Protein backbone atom coordinates (compact mmCIF):
# COMPACT_ATOMS: atom_id res chain seq x y z
CA MET A 1 -2.15 11.24 -12.67
CA GLN A 2 0.08 8.99 -14.77
CA LEU A 3 1.20 5.56 -13.60
CA SER A 4 4.80 6.74 -13.26
CA ASP A 5 3.66 9.69 -11.12
CA LYS A 6 1.67 7.39 -8.83
CA LEU A 7 4.66 5.09 -8.44
CA LYS A 8 6.92 8.05 -7.63
CA ARG A 9 4.41 9.27 -5.03
CA LEU A 10 4.32 5.80 -3.52
CA GLU A 11 8.12 5.72 -3.35
CA THR A 12 8.14 9.12 -1.63
CA ASN A 13 5.57 7.91 0.90
CA LEU A 14 7.64 4.83 1.64
CA ASN A 15 10.71 6.95 2.29
CA VAL A 16 8.78 9.05 4.80
CA LEU A 17 7.27 5.97 6.44
CA LYS A 18 10.75 4.47 6.78
CA GLU A 19 11.96 7.65 8.49
CA VAL A 20 9.00 7.54 10.87
CA ARG A 21 9.60 3.84 11.55
CA ASP A 22 13.21 4.63 12.45
CA GLU A 23 12.05 7.30 14.93
CA ILE A 24 9.35 5.27 16.66
CA HIS A 25 10.53 2.63 19.10
CA SER A 26 7.30 1.58 20.80
CA PRO A 27 3.52 1.77 20.52
CA GLU A 28 3.62 4.10 23.52
CA MET A 29 5.45 6.65 21.39
CA LEU A 30 2.42 6.68 19.07
CA GLU A 31 0.21 7.36 22.07
CA GLN A 32 2.48 10.06 23.49
CA ASN A 33 2.96 11.89 20.20
CA ILE A 34 -0.17 11.97 18.10
CA ARG A 35 1.83 13.40 15.18
CA TYR A 36 3.58 10.04 14.83
CA GLU A 37 0.28 8.22 14.80
CA TRP A 38 -1.12 10.56 12.16
CA GLU A 39 2.00 10.14 10.02
CA VAL A 40 1.79 6.36 10.20
CA ARG A 41 -1.96 6.24 9.60
CA TYR A 42 -2.03 8.70 6.73
CA GLY A 43 1.18 7.44 5.15
CA LEU A 44 -0.10 3.87 5.12
CA LEU A 45 -3.58 4.91 4.01
CA GLU A 46 -2.34 6.94 1.07
CA SER A 47 0.21 4.31 0.08
CA ILE A 48 -2.40 1.54 0.12
CA GLN A 49 -4.80 3.72 -1.86
CA ILE A 50 -2.14 4.29 -4.51
CA VAL A 51 -1.66 0.50 -4.83
CA ILE A 52 -5.43 0.09 -5.16
CA ASP A 53 -5.70 2.88 -7.74
CA ILE A 54 -2.92 1.37 -9.83
CA ALA A 55 -4.37 -2.14 -9.66
CA CYS A 56 -7.87 -1.00 -10.60
CA LYS A 57 -6.64 1.28 -13.38
CA ILE A 58 -4.57 -1.52 -14.95
CA SER A 59 -7.47 -3.97 -14.59
CA ALA A 60 -9.81 -1.59 -16.40
CA ARG A 61 -7.34 -0.38 -19.02
CA PHE A 62 -6.32 -3.88 -20.10
CA ASN A 63 -9.80 -5.36 -19.65
CA LEU A 64 -8.57 -8.01 -17.22
CA GLY A 65 -12.04 -8.69 -15.83
CA ASN A 66 -14.87 -7.07 -13.91
CA PRO A 67 -13.68 -6.64 -10.34
CA SER A 68 -16.40 -5.91 -7.82
CA ASN A 69 -14.01 -4.68 -5.11
CA TYR A 70 -10.45 -3.52 -4.56
CA LYS A 71 -9.14 -6.95 -3.63
CA GLU A 72 -10.35 -8.37 -6.93
CA CYS A 73 -8.34 -5.73 -8.83
CA LEU A 74 -5.20 -7.08 -7.17
CA GLU A 75 -6.27 -10.68 -7.75
CA LEU A 76 -6.68 -9.94 -11.46
CA LEU A 77 -3.13 -8.58 -11.63
CA ALA A 78 -1.86 -11.86 -10.17
CA GLN A 79 -4.08 -14.02 -12.40
CA HIS A 80 -2.64 -12.29 -15.47
CA GLY A 81 0.96 -12.56 -14.26
CA TYR A 82 1.57 -8.88 -13.53
CA ILE A 83 2.31 -9.45 -9.85
CA ASP A 84 3.44 -12.51 -7.90
CA HIS A 85 0.79 -14.55 -6.07
CA ASN A 86 2.44 -13.98 -2.66
CA LEU A 87 2.56 -10.24 -3.33
CA MET A 88 -1.12 -10.35 -4.24
CA GLN A 89 -1.91 -11.97 -0.89
CA ASN A 90 0.12 -9.36 0.98
CA THR A 91 -1.41 -6.45 -0.92
CA THR A 92 -4.95 -7.72 -0.44
CA ALA A 93 -4.19 -7.78 3.29
CA MET A 94 -3.26 -4.11 2.89
CA VAL A 95 -6.76 -3.45 1.55
CA GLY A 96 -8.06 -4.81 4.83
CA LEU A 97 -5.79 -2.41 6.71
CA ARG A 98 -7.04 0.46 4.55
CA ASN A 99 -10.60 -0.40 5.51
CA LEU A 100 -9.63 -0.42 9.20
CA LEU A 101 -7.88 2.92 8.84
CA VAL A 102 -10.88 4.49 7.13
CA HIS A 103 -13.77 2.91 9.01
CA GLU A 104 -12.48 1.81 12.40
CA TYR A 105 -9.67 4.25 13.04
CA THR A 106 -10.51 4.63 16.71
CA ARG A 107 -10.21 0.88 17.37
CA LEU A 108 -6.96 0.08 15.60
CA ASP A 109 -4.39 -1.15 18.09
CA ARG A 110 -1.24 1.01 18.07
CA LYS A 111 1.05 -1.99 18.41
CA ARG A 112 -0.56 -3.57 15.36
CA LEU A 113 -0.35 -0.29 13.47
CA LEU A 114 3.36 -0.07 14.20
CA GLU A 115 3.88 -3.66 13.01
CA TYR A 116 2.64 -2.70 9.54
CA LEU A 117 5.73 -0.54 9.16
CA ASP A 118 7.75 -3.76 9.12
CA HIS A 119 6.10 -4.67 5.80
CA LEU A 120 7.12 -1.70 3.67
CA GLU A 121 9.08 -4.04 1.39
CA ASP A 122 5.76 -5.32 -0.02
CA PHE A 123 5.15 -1.84 -1.41
CA HIS A 124 8.64 -1.76 -2.92
CA THR A 125 8.05 -5.16 -4.53
CA PHE A 126 4.76 -3.88 -5.98
CA ILE A 127 6.59 -0.90 -7.47
CA ARG A 128 9.25 -3.15 -9.03
CA GLU A 129 6.77 -5.60 -10.50
CA ILE A 130 4.45 -2.93 -11.94
CA THR A 131 7.41 -0.98 -13.31
CA ALA A 132 8.79 -4.09 -15.00
CA HIS A 133 5.49 -4.72 -16.81
CA PHE A 134 4.18 -1.27 -17.59
CA LEU A 135 6.96 1.30 -17.77
CA PRO A 136 9.52 1.36 -20.56
CA GLU A 137 13.13 1.03 -19.55
CA SER A 138 14.96 4.30 -19.18
C-alpha cells in the first residue's frame, strides 16, 4: 500500500472515530453496547498501526537508523525533522496504547479508552506533517 493510501485510510478511520466519539457520552455506554467498544478499540488499533507502519517504512526507506522497536521509528522521524518533538511524544504514547489493545484488551479501563478519543487531533497532525514532507503538492 502506498503512503498516500495509508494516509487516506487513516483519515477515514479518524472520521469514523469522531462519529463514534460524538455518539458515546459515557464509559457506561461502552459497557452497555459492545459494538461501541469494538469500534473504538479497532478504530484506534488500526489507526495507531497505520502510524507505526508509516514511521517504520520511512525510517527504512530513507535509512534514518536501525530502530529496534516501533517507538524508535517515531523517534527517528523526530530526530530527522519529519515530525515535531511533541507529536513524537504523543505518537509514542499511542504505541503504548496499541500494546494494551493487543495484549491486555480485557484489562483496559473503558473510561481511559474513551479518553483516547479526545486525542484524535494528534493523528491529524501526523497526517499533515508526513504529507508536507513526503507527498508532492497537488
